[in-house]
Amino acid sequence: MALFAKQRTDPALATLIGRRAVLATGSTEDGQVVATADSLWYPTADGWSQQPWHQIIHGGWDRDNQQLRWRGQDQTEHSLHLTESGRLPEVFNERVTESIVVQRVVDLSGPGAAVISARRDLGRGDAPLEWHIEPTTGTAPESVLTDRLVASELARLRSEYDVR
């Protein structure tokens, strides 16, 4: 019955995670990687790091290289080489997708486009939505921040989705 076997969480990590439910686990050469409902937990040189799902702007699983990659809100690129992946890639995708409330591509009044998205903190149901505007490939970031069509669409989306 290995299908239903429960993998033990590293005791130091279990202390940090607390009572959060573990959805999936994997491993790197440096230690265990754990997906909880609200975050990805992974080993670092200093111990453990927590990456909330709603703060992952882009990411995915590279099966050929066995790498889980993502870019956070702070634009930092992360990559984990998994020696054991388990269901971690599927749960990673599901949790990041679940955090997205709305996502729209808006053409700028000049050349280029932007992606407006609202993300929800999966660990705090009462948290306000976090809104982000990202330029698409080839679009100057500064043109996105001052574009009237982007500002108008952001205001419209906020009035529709910020209902608390």
N, C-alpha and C. Protein backbone atom coordinates (compact mmCIF):
# COMPACT_ATOMS: atom_id res chain seq x y z
N MET A 1 0.81 -1.20 0.00
CA MET A 1 0.00 0.00 0.00
C MET A 1 0.85 1.27 0.00
N ALA A 2 1.92 1.28 -0.76
CA ALA A 2 2.79 2.45 -0.82
C ALA A 2 2.06 3.68 -1.35
N LEU A 3 0.97 3.45 -2.07
CA LEU A 3 0.19 4.56 -2.61
C LEU A 3 -0.31 5.48 -1.50
N PHE A 4 -0.64 4.91 -0.36
CA PHE A 4 -1.18 5.69 0.74
C PHE A 4 -0.17 5.97 1.85
N ALA A 5 1.09 5.64 1.60
CA ALA A 5 2.12 5.87 2.61
C ALA A 5 2.34 7.37 2.80
N LYS A 6 2.50 7.79 4.01
CA LYS A 6 2.73 9.19 4.31
C LYS A 6 4.22 9.44 4.51
N GLN A 7 4.76 10.39 3.75
CA GLN A 7 6.17 10.72 3.89
C GLN A 7 6.34 11.62 5.10
N ARG A 8 7.34 11.33 5.88
CA ARG A 8 7.61 12.13 7.07
C ARG A 8 8.30 13.43 6.67
N THR A 9 7.86 14.49 7.29
CA THR A 9 8.45 15.80 7.04
C THR A 9 9.65 15.99 7.96
N ASP A 10 10.72 16.56 7.41
CA ASP A 10 11.91 16.86 8.20
C ASP A 10 11.47 17.57 9.49
N PRO A 11 11.92 17.13 10.67
CA PRO A 11 11.46 17.71 11.94
C PRO A 11 11.67 19.23 12.05
N ALA A 12 12.79 19.74 11.55
CA ALA A 12 13.03 21.19 11.62
C ALA A 12 12.03 21.94 10.74
N LEU A 13 11.74 21.37 9.59
CA LEU A 13 10.77 21.98 8.69
C LEU A 13 9.35 21.85 9.25
N ALA A 14 9.05 20.71 9.83
CA ALA A 14 7.73 20.49 10.42
C ALA A 14 7.43 21.53 11.49
N THR A 15 8.44 21.94 12.24
CA THR A 15 8.26 22.97 13.26
C THR A 15 7.86 24.30 12.62
N LEU A 16 8.48 24.65 11.50
CA LEU A 16 8.17 25.90 10.80
C LEU A 16 6.78 25.85 10.16
N ILE A 17 6.45 24.72 9.58
CA ILE A 17 5.17 24.58 8.89
C ILE A 17 4.01 24.58 9.89
N GLY A 18 4.26 24.04 11.06
CA GLY A 18 3.21 24.00 12.07
C GLY A 18 2.10 23.06 11.68
N ARG A 19 0.87 23.51 11.84
CA ARG A 19 -0.30 22.66 11.60
C ARG A 19 -0.80 22.71 10.16
N ARG A 20 -0.08 23.38 9.28
CA ARG A 20 -0.49 23.42 7.87
C ARG A 20 -0.48 22.01 7.28
N ALA A 21 -1.45 21.72 6.46
CA ALA A 21 -1.52 20.42 5.79
C ALA A 21 -0.46 20.34 4.71
N VAL A 22 0.27 19.25 4.65
CA VAL A 22 1.26 19.00 3.61
C VAL A 22 0.54 18.37 2.42
N LEU A 23 0.61 19.04 1.26
CA LEU A 23 -0.07 18.56 0.06
C LEU A 23 0.83 17.67 -0.81
N ALA A 24 2.13 17.95 -0.80
CA ALA A 24 3.08 17.17 -1.60
C ALA A 24 4.48 17.41 -1.07
N THR A 25 5.35 16.43 -1.32
CA THR A 25 6.75 16.58 -0.93
C THR A 25 7.64 16.14 -2.07
N GLY A 26 8.84 16.64 -2.04
CA GLY A 26 9.88 16.25 -2.97
C GLY A 26 11.21 16.43 -2.27
N SER A 27 12.29 16.21 -2.99
CA SER A 27 13.61 16.35 -2.38
C SER A 27 14.60 16.98 -3.35
N THR A 28 15.54 17.69 -2.77
CA THR A 28 16.72 18.16 -3.49
C THR A 28 17.91 17.52 -2.79
N GLU A 29 19.10 17.72 -3.31
CA GLU A 29 20.29 17.22 -2.62
C GLU A 29 20.47 17.88 -1.27
N ASP A 30 19.88 19.06 -1.09
CA ASP A 30 20.03 19.82 0.15
C ASP A 30 18.95 19.53 1.18
N GLY A 31 17.88 18.86 0.78
CA GLY A 31 16.83 18.57 1.74
C GLY A 31 15.46 18.47 1.11
N GLN A 32 14.48 18.42 1.96
CA GLN A 32 13.10 18.21 1.56
C GLN A 32 12.45 19.50 1.05
N VAL A 33 11.54 19.35 0.08
CA VAL A 33 10.73 20.44 -0.45
C VAL A 33 9.28 20.06 -0.14
N VAL A 34 8.53 21.00 0.42
CA VAL A 34 7.17 20.70 0.85
C VAL A 34 6.20 21.76 0.31
N ALA A 35 5.10 21.27 -0.24
CA ALA A 35 4.01 22.15 -0.67
C ALA A 35 2.91 22.09 0.37
N THR A 36 2.54 23.24 0.91
CA THR A 36 1.38 23.34 1.79
C THR A 36 0.30 24.12 1.03
N ALA A 37 -0.86 24.26 1.62
CA ALA A 37 -1.95 24.95 0.94
C ALA A 37 -1.59 26.39 0.57
N ASP A 38 -0.75 27.04 1.37
CA ASP A 38 -0.45 28.46 1.13
C ASP A 38 0.95 28.76 0.62
N SER A 39 1.89 27.79 0.69
CA SER A 39 3.29 28.10 0.37
C SER A 39 4.08 26.88 -0.10
N LEU A 40 5.21 27.19 -0.73
CA LEU A 40 6.23 26.20 -1.05
C LEU A 40 7.37 26.42 -0.06
N TRP A 41 7.82 25.36 0.57
CA TRP A 41 8.92 25.41 1.54
C TRP A 41 10.09 24.64 0.95
N TYR A 42 11.29 25.24 0.97
CA TYR A 42 12.44 24.59 0.35
C TYR A 42 13.72 24.93 1.11
N PRO A 43 14.74 24.03 1.01
CA PRO A 43 15.98 24.26 1.75
C PRO A 43 16.84 25.34 1.11
N THR A 44 17.51 26.10 1.98
CA THR A 44 18.48 27.11 1.53
C THR A 44 19.74 26.94 2.38
N ALA A 45 20.76 27.69 2.06
CA ALA A 45 22.00 27.62 2.83
C ALA A 45 21.78 28.01 4.29
N ASP A 46 20.77 28.85 4.54
CA ASP A 46 20.48 29.34 5.90
C ASP A 46 19.43 28.52 6.64
N GLY A 47 18.91 27.49 6.02
CA GLY A 47 17.86 26.70 6.65
C GLY A 47 16.73 26.43 5.68
N TRP A 48 15.59 27.10 5.86
CA TRP A 48 14.43 26.89 5.02
C TRP A 48 13.87 28.23 4.56
N SER A 49 13.30 28.23 3.38
CA SER A 49 12.66 29.43 2.86
C SER A 49 11.22 29.10 2.50
N GLN A 50 10.36 30.10 2.64
CA GLN A 50 8.95 29.95 2.33
C GLN A 50 8.60 30.86 1.16
N GLN A 51 7.94 30.30 0.14
CA GLN A 51 7.49 31.07 -1.01
C GLN A 51 5.98 30.97 -1.09
N PRO A 52 5.25 32.03 -0.70
CA PRO A 52 3.79 31.99 -0.84
C PRO A 52 3.39 31.85 -2.31
N TRP A 53 2.38 31.03 -2.57
CA TRP A 53 1.95 30.77 -3.94
C TRP A 53 1.53 32.05 -4.67
N HIS A 54 0.85 32.95 -3.99
CA HIS A 54 0.33 34.15 -4.66
C HIS A 54 1.43 35.13 -5.03
N GLN A 55 2.65 34.90 -4.55
CA GLN A 55 3.76 35.78 -4.89
C GLN A 55 4.65 35.21 -5.99
N ILE A 56 4.20 34.13 -6.63
CA ILE A 56 4.92 33.57 -7.77
C ILE A 56 4.29 34.15 -9.04
N ILE A 57 5.08 34.92 -9.76
CA ILE A 57 4.59 35.59 -10.97
C ILE A 57 4.55 34.61 -12.14
N HIS A 58 5.55 33.77 -12.24
CA HIS A 58 5.64 32.83 -13.35
C HIS A 58 6.46 31.64 -12.86
N GLY A 59 6.11 30.45 -13.32
CA GLY A 59 6.90 29.29 -12.93
C GLY A 59 6.43 28.03 -13.61
N GLY A 60 7.13 26.95 -13.34
CA GLY A 60 6.74 25.68 -13.91
C GLY A 60 7.77 24.60 -13.69
N TRP A 61 7.47 23.45 -14.22
CA TRP A 61 8.27 22.24 -14.07
C TRP A 61 8.96 21.91 -15.38
N ASP A 62 10.28 21.75 -15.34
CA ASP A 62 11.07 21.31 -16.48
C ASP A 62 11.38 19.84 -16.26
N ARG A 63 10.57 18.98 -16.86
CA ARG A 63 10.70 17.53 -16.65
C ARG A 63 12.06 17.01 -17.09
N ASP A 64 12.56 17.50 -18.23
CA ASP A 64 13.83 16.99 -18.76
C ASP A 64 14.99 17.23 -17.80
N ASN A 65 15.01 18.39 -17.17
CA ASN A 65 16.09 18.74 -16.24
C ASN A 65 15.72 18.53 -14.78
N GLN A 66 14.49 18.06 -14.54
CA GLN A 66 14.01 17.82 -13.18
C GLN A 66 14.13 19.09 -12.32
N GLN A 67 13.74 20.22 -12.91
CA GLN A 67 13.85 21.49 -12.21
C GLN A 67 12.50 22.18 -12.06
N LEU A 68 12.26 22.62 -10.86
CA LEU A 68 11.11 23.46 -10.55
C LEU A 68 11.63 24.89 -10.56
N ARG A 69 11.05 25.74 -11.43
CA ARG A 69 11.55 27.11 -11.58
C ARG A 69 10.41 28.09 -11.37
N TRP A 70 10.75 29.25 -10.82
CA TRP A 70 9.76 30.30 -10.68
C TRP A 70 10.44 31.65 -10.51
N ARG A 71 9.63 32.69 -10.79
CA ARG A 71 10.06 34.08 -10.58
C ARG A 71 9.08 34.67 -9.58
N GLY A 72 9.62 35.27 -8.53
CA GLY A 72 8.79 35.89 -7.50
C GLY A 72 8.44 37.33 -7.84
N GLN A 73 7.60 37.91 -7.00
CA GLN A 73 7.19 39.32 -7.18
C GLN A 73 8.38 40.26 -7.22
N ASP A 74 9.43 39.93 -6.48
CA ASP A 74 10.62 40.79 -6.44
C ASP A 74 11.52 40.58 -7.66
N GLN A 75 11.03 39.80 -8.66
CA GLN A 75 11.73 39.50 -9.91
C GLN A 75 12.90 38.54 -9.74
N THR A 76 13.09 37.99 -8.54
CA THR A 76 14.16 37.02 -8.31
C THR A 76 13.78 35.68 -8.92
N GLU A 77 14.71 35.11 -9.66
CA GLU A 77 14.52 33.80 -10.27
C GLU A 77 14.96 32.72 -9.29
N HIS A 78 14.17 31.66 -9.17
CA HIS A 78 14.47 30.54 -8.29
C HIS A 78 14.44 29.25 -9.10
N SER A 79 15.25 28.29 -8.70
CA SER A 79 15.27 27.01 -9.37
C SER A 79 15.68 25.94 -8.36
N LEU A 80 14.94 24.84 -8.35
CA LEU A 80 15.27 23.71 -7.50
C LEU A 80 15.43 22.47 -8.36
N HIS A 81 16.58 21.82 -8.28
CA HIS A 81 16.77 20.54 -8.95
C HIS A 81 16.24 19.46 -8.01
N LEU A 82 15.16 18.81 -8.43
CA LEU A 82 14.53 17.80 -7.58
C LEU A 82 15.10 16.42 -7.86
N THR A 83 15.60 15.79 -6.82
CA THR A 83 16.08 14.41 -6.94
C THR A 83 14.91 13.45 -6.80
N GLU A 84 13.84 13.91 -6.17
CA GLU A 84 12.59 13.17 -6.07
C GLU A 84 11.48 14.21 -6.19
N SER A 85 10.61 14.05 -7.19
CA SER A 85 9.60 15.08 -7.43
C SER A 85 8.23 14.74 -6.84
N GLY A 86 7.88 13.48 -6.79
CA GLY A 86 6.56 13.10 -6.29
C GLY A 86 5.47 13.87 -7.04
N ARG A 87 4.48 14.35 -6.33
CA ARG A 87 3.39 15.14 -6.92
C ARG A 87 3.67 16.64 -6.85
N LEU A 88 4.88 17.02 -6.46
CA LEU A 88 5.21 18.43 -6.30
C LEU A 88 4.96 19.27 -7.56
N PRO A 89 5.37 18.83 -8.75
CA PRO A 89 5.10 19.66 -9.94
C PRO A 89 3.62 19.92 -10.18
N GLU A 90 2.78 18.92 -10.00
CA GLU A 90 1.34 19.10 -10.20
C GLU A 90 0.75 20.03 -9.15
N VAL A 91 1.16 19.84 -7.90
CA VAL A 91 0.63 20.69 -6.82
C VAL A 91 1.13 22.12 -6.99
N PHE A 92 2.37 22.30 -7.42
CA PHE A 92 2.93 23.64 -7.69
C PHE A 92 2.01 24.36 -8.68
N ASN A 93 1.74 23.72 -9.81
CA ASN A 93 0.89 24.32 -10.84
C ASN A 93 -0.51 24.61 -10.31
N GLU A 94 -1.09 23.67 -9.61
CA GLU A 94 -2.45 23.84 -9.10
C GLU A 94 -2.54 25.00 -8.11
N ARG A 95 -1.58 25.11 -7.20
CA ARG A 95 -1.62 26.15 -6.17
C ARG A 95 -1.38 27.54 -6.77
N VAL A 96 -0.42 27.67 -7.68
CA VAL A 96 -0.19 28.97 -8.32
C VAL A 96 -1.43 29.39 -9.10
N THR A 97 -2.00 28.47 -9.86
CA THR A 97 -3.21 28.76 -10.62
C THR A 97 -4.37 29.14 -9.70
N GLU A 98 -4.52 28.43 -8.60
CA GLU A 98 -5.59 28.71 -7.64
C GLU A 98 -5.48 30.12 -7.05
N SER A 99 -4.28 30.65 -6.96
CA SER A 99 -4.10 31.99 -6.37
C SER A 99 -4.51 33.11 -7.32
N ILE A 100 -4.67 32.81 -8.61
CA ILE A 100 -5.02 33.83 -9.60
C ILE A 100 -6.53 34.03 -9.61
N VAL A 101 -6.97 35.23 -9.29
CA VAL A 101 -8.40 35.57 -9.30
C VAL A 101 -8.80 36.05 -10.69
N VAL A 102 -7.99 36.92 -11.26
CA VAL A 102 -8.26 37.44 -12.59
C VAL A 102 -6.92 37.77 -13.25
N GLN A 103 -6.90 37.61 -14.58
CA GLN A 103 -5.70 37.96 -15.34
C GLN A 103 -6.15 38.44 -16.71
N ARG A 104 -5.72 39.64 -17.10
CA ARG A 104 -6.11 40.23 -18.39
C ARG A 104 -4.89 40.79 -19.10
N VAL A 105 -4.86 40.61 -20.41
CA VAL A 105 -3.84 41.24 -21.25
C VAL A 105 -4.46 42.50 -21.82
N VAL A 106 -3.76 43.62 -21.69
CA VAL A 106 -4.25 44.92 -22.15
C VAL A 106 -3.26 45.49 -23.15
N ASP A 107 -3.75 45.82 -24.35
CA ASP A 107 -2.90 46.51 -25.32
C ASP A 107 -2.70 47.94 -24.85
N LEU A 108 -1.47 48.43 -24.95
CA LEU A 108 -1.17 49.81 -24.57
C LEU A 108 -1.69 50.77 -25.63
N SER A 109 -1.80 52.04 -25.27
CA SER A 109 -2.20 53.05 -26.26
C SER A 109 -1.10 53.25 -27.29
N GLY A 110 0.13 52.92 -26.93
CA GLY A 110 1.26 52.90 -27.86
C GLY A 110 1.64 51.45 -28.12
N PRO A 111 2.87 51.21 -28.54
CA PRO A 111 3.27 49.82 -28.81
C PRO A 111 3.42 49.01 -27.50
N GLY A 112 3.02 47.75 -27.58
CA GLY A 112 3.21 46.85 -26.45
C GLY A 112 1.92 46.48 -25.75
N ALA A 113 2.08 45.68 -24.71
CA ALA A 113 0.93 45.22 -23.93
C ALA A 113 1.38 44.96 -22.50
N ALA A 114 0.39 44.81 -21.63
CA ALA A 114 0.65 44.54 -20.22
C ALA A 114 -0.31 43.47 -19.73
N VAL A 115 0.10 42.75 -18.70
CA VAL A 115 -0.76 41.76 -18.06
C VAL A 115 -1.13 42.30 -16.69
N ILE A 116 -2.42 42.45 -16.45
CA ILE A 116 -2.93 42.86 -15.14
C ILE A 116 -3.44 41.60 -14.46
N SER A 117 -3.01 41.38 -13.22
CA SER A 117 -3.51 40.22 -12.50
C SER A 117 -3.80 40.58 -11.05
N ALA A 118 -4.74 39.85 -10.49
CA ALA A 118 -5.05 39.95 -9.07
C ALA A 118 -4.82 38.57 -8.48
N ARG A 119 -4.09 38.54 -7.37
CA ARG A 119 -3.77 37.27 -6.72
C ARG A 119 -4.33 37.27 -5.31
N ARG A 120 -4.71 36.08 -4.84
CA ARG A 120 -5.24 35.92 -3.49
C ARG A 120 -4.25 35.11 -2.66
N ASP A 121 -4.03 35.52 -1.43
CA ASP A 121 -3.19 34.79 -0.47
C ASP A 121 -3.99 33.57 -0.03
N LEU A 122 -3.54 32.39 -0.41
CA LEU A 122 -4.28 31.17 -0.12
C LEU A 122 -4.24 30.79 1.36
N GLY A 123 -3.41 31.46 2.12
CA GLY A 123 -3.32 31.19 3.55
C GLY A 123 -4.18 32.11 4.40
N ARG A 124 -4.69 33.16 3.77
CA ARG A 124 -5.49 34.15 4.51
C ARG A 124 -6.70 34.52 3.67
N GLY A 125 -7.81 33.91 3.96
CA GLY A 125 -9.02 34.19 3.21
C GLY A 125 -9.51 35.61 3.32
N ASP A 126 -9.11 36.32 4.39
CA ASP A 126 -9.55 37.69 4.60
C ASP A 126 -8.59 38.72 4.02
N ALA A 127 -7.50 38.28 3.41
CA ALA A 127 -6.49 39.21 2.88
C ALA A 127 -7.03 39.89 1.61
N PRO A 128 -6.69 41.16 1.43
CA PRO A 128 -7.11 41.83 0.19
C PRO A 128 -6.37 41.25 -1.02
N LEU A 129 -6.95 41.40 -2.19
CA LEU A 129 -6.29 40.95 -3.41
C LEU A 129 -5.02 41.76 -3.63
N GLU A 130 -4.01 41.11 -4.18
CA GLU A 130 -2.77 41.80 -4.55
C GLU A 130 -2.76 41.96 -6.06
N TRP A 131 -2.70 43.22 -6.51
CA TRP A 131 -2.76 43.54 -7.93
C TRP A 131 -1.35 43.75 -8.48
N HIS A 132 -1.13 43.24 -9.71
CA HIS A 132 0.18 43.36 -10.36
C HIS A 132 -0.01 43.74 -11.82
N ILE A 133 0.92 44.53 -12.30
CA ILE A 133 0.95 44.88 -13.72
C ILE A 133 2.34 44.52 -14.23
N GLU A 134 2.39 43.64 -15.23
CA GLU A 134 3.65 43.18 -15.80
C GLU A 134 3.68 43.51 -17.29
N PRO A 135 4.78 44.06 -17.79
CA PRO A 135 4.88 44.27 -19.24
C PRO A 135 5.04 42.93 -19.95
N THR A 136 4.48 42.79 -21.13
CA THR A 136 4.72 41.58 -21.92
C THR A 136 6.11 41.68 -22.53
N THR A 137 6.60 40.58 -23.09
CA THR A 137 7.93 40.55 -23.69
C THR A 137 8.05 41.63 -24.76
N GLY A 138 9.10 42.41 -24.66
CA GLY A 138 9.35 43.47 -25.64
C GLY A 138 8.69 44.80 -25.31
N THR A 139 7.93 44.85 -24.22
CA THR A 139 7.27 46.10 -23.84
C THR A 139 8.11 46.79 -22.76
N ALA A 140 8.33 48.08 -22.93
CA ALA A 140 9.12 48.85 -21.96
C ALA A 140 8.34 48.98 -20.65
N PRO A 141 8.93 48.58 -19.53
CA PRO A 141 8.24 48.65 -18.24
C PRO A 141 7.71 50.04 -17.89
N GLU A 142 8.47 51.07 -18.22
CA GLU A 142 8.05 52.43 -17.89
C GLU A 142 6.80 52.86 -18.66
N SER A 143 6.62 52.32 -19.87
CA SER A 143 5.43 52.69 -20.66
C SER A 143 4.16 52.06 -20.07
N VAL A 144 4.29 50.94 -19.40
CA VAL A 144 3.14 50.26 -18.79
C VAL A 144 2.61 51.07 -17.61
N LEU A 145 3.51 51.60 -16.81
CA LEU A 145 3.12 52.31 -15.59
C LEU A 145 2.39 53.62 -15.85
N THR A 146 2.59 54.20 -17.02
CA THR A 146 1.97 55.50 -17.31
C THR A 146 0.87 55.43 -18.37
N ASP A 147 0.56 54.24 -18.85
CA ASP A 147 -0.41 54.11 -19.93
C ASP A 147 -1.84 54.30 -19.43
N ARG A 148 -2.62 55.13 -20.12
CA ARG A 148 -3.99 55.43 -19.70
C ARG A 148 -4.92 54.23 -19.86
N LEU A 149 -4.72 53.40 -20.88
CA LEU A 149 -5.57 52.22 -21.07
C LEU A 149 -5.35 51.19 -19.96
N VAL A 150 -4.11 51.04 -19.53
CA VAL A 150 -3.80 50.12 -18.43
C VAL A 150 -4.43 50.64 -17.14
N ALA A 151 -4.28 51.93 -16.89
CA ALA A 151 -4.86 52.53 -15.67
C ALA A 151 -6.38 52.38 -15.66
N SER A 152 -7.00 52.58 -16.81
CA SER A 152 -8.45 52.47 -16.92
C SER A 152 -8.92 51.03 -16.68
N GLU A 153 -8.22 50.07 -17.28
CA GLU A 153 -8.60 48.66 -17.11
C GLU A 153 -8.34 48.19 -15.68
N LEU A 154 -7.26 48.66 -15.06
CA LEU A 154 -6.99 48.31 -13.67
C LEU A 154 -8.11 48.84 -12.77
N ALA A 155 -8.53 50.06 -12.99
CA ALA A 155 -9.62 50.63 -12.19
C ALA A 155 -10.91 49.84 -12.39
N ARG A 156 -11.21 49.47 -13.63
CA ARG A 156 -12.41 48.69 -13.91
C ARG A 156 -12.37 47.33 -13.22
N LEU A 157 -11.24 46.65 -13.34
CA LEU A 157 -11.11 45.33 -12.72
C LEU A 157 -11.18 45.41 -11.19
N ARG A 158 -10.56 46.43 -10.64
CA ARG A 158 -10.62 46.59 -9.17
C ARG A 158 -12.07 46.83 -8.71
N SER A 159 -12.82 47.62 -9.46
CA SER A 159 -14.21 47.86 -9.05
C SER A 159 -15.05 46.58 -9.15
N GLU A 160 -14.68 45.70 -10.06
CA GLU A 160 -15.41 44.46 -10.25
C GLU A 160 -15.00 43.37 -9.25
N TYR A 161 -13.70 43.28 -8.93
CA TYR A 161 -13.20 42.17 -8.13
C TYR A 161 -12.90 42.51 -6.67
N ASP A 162 -12.61 43.76 -6.36
CA ASP A 162 -12.36 44.15 -4.96
C ASP A 162 -13.70 44.42 -4.29
N VAL A 163 -14.39 43.38 -3.90
CA VAL A 163 -15.75 43.52 -3.40
C VAL A 163 -15.86 43.42 -1.87
N ARG A 164 -14.79 43.38 -1.16
CA ARG A 164 -14.84 43.27 0.30
C ARG A 164 -15.26 44.55 0.94
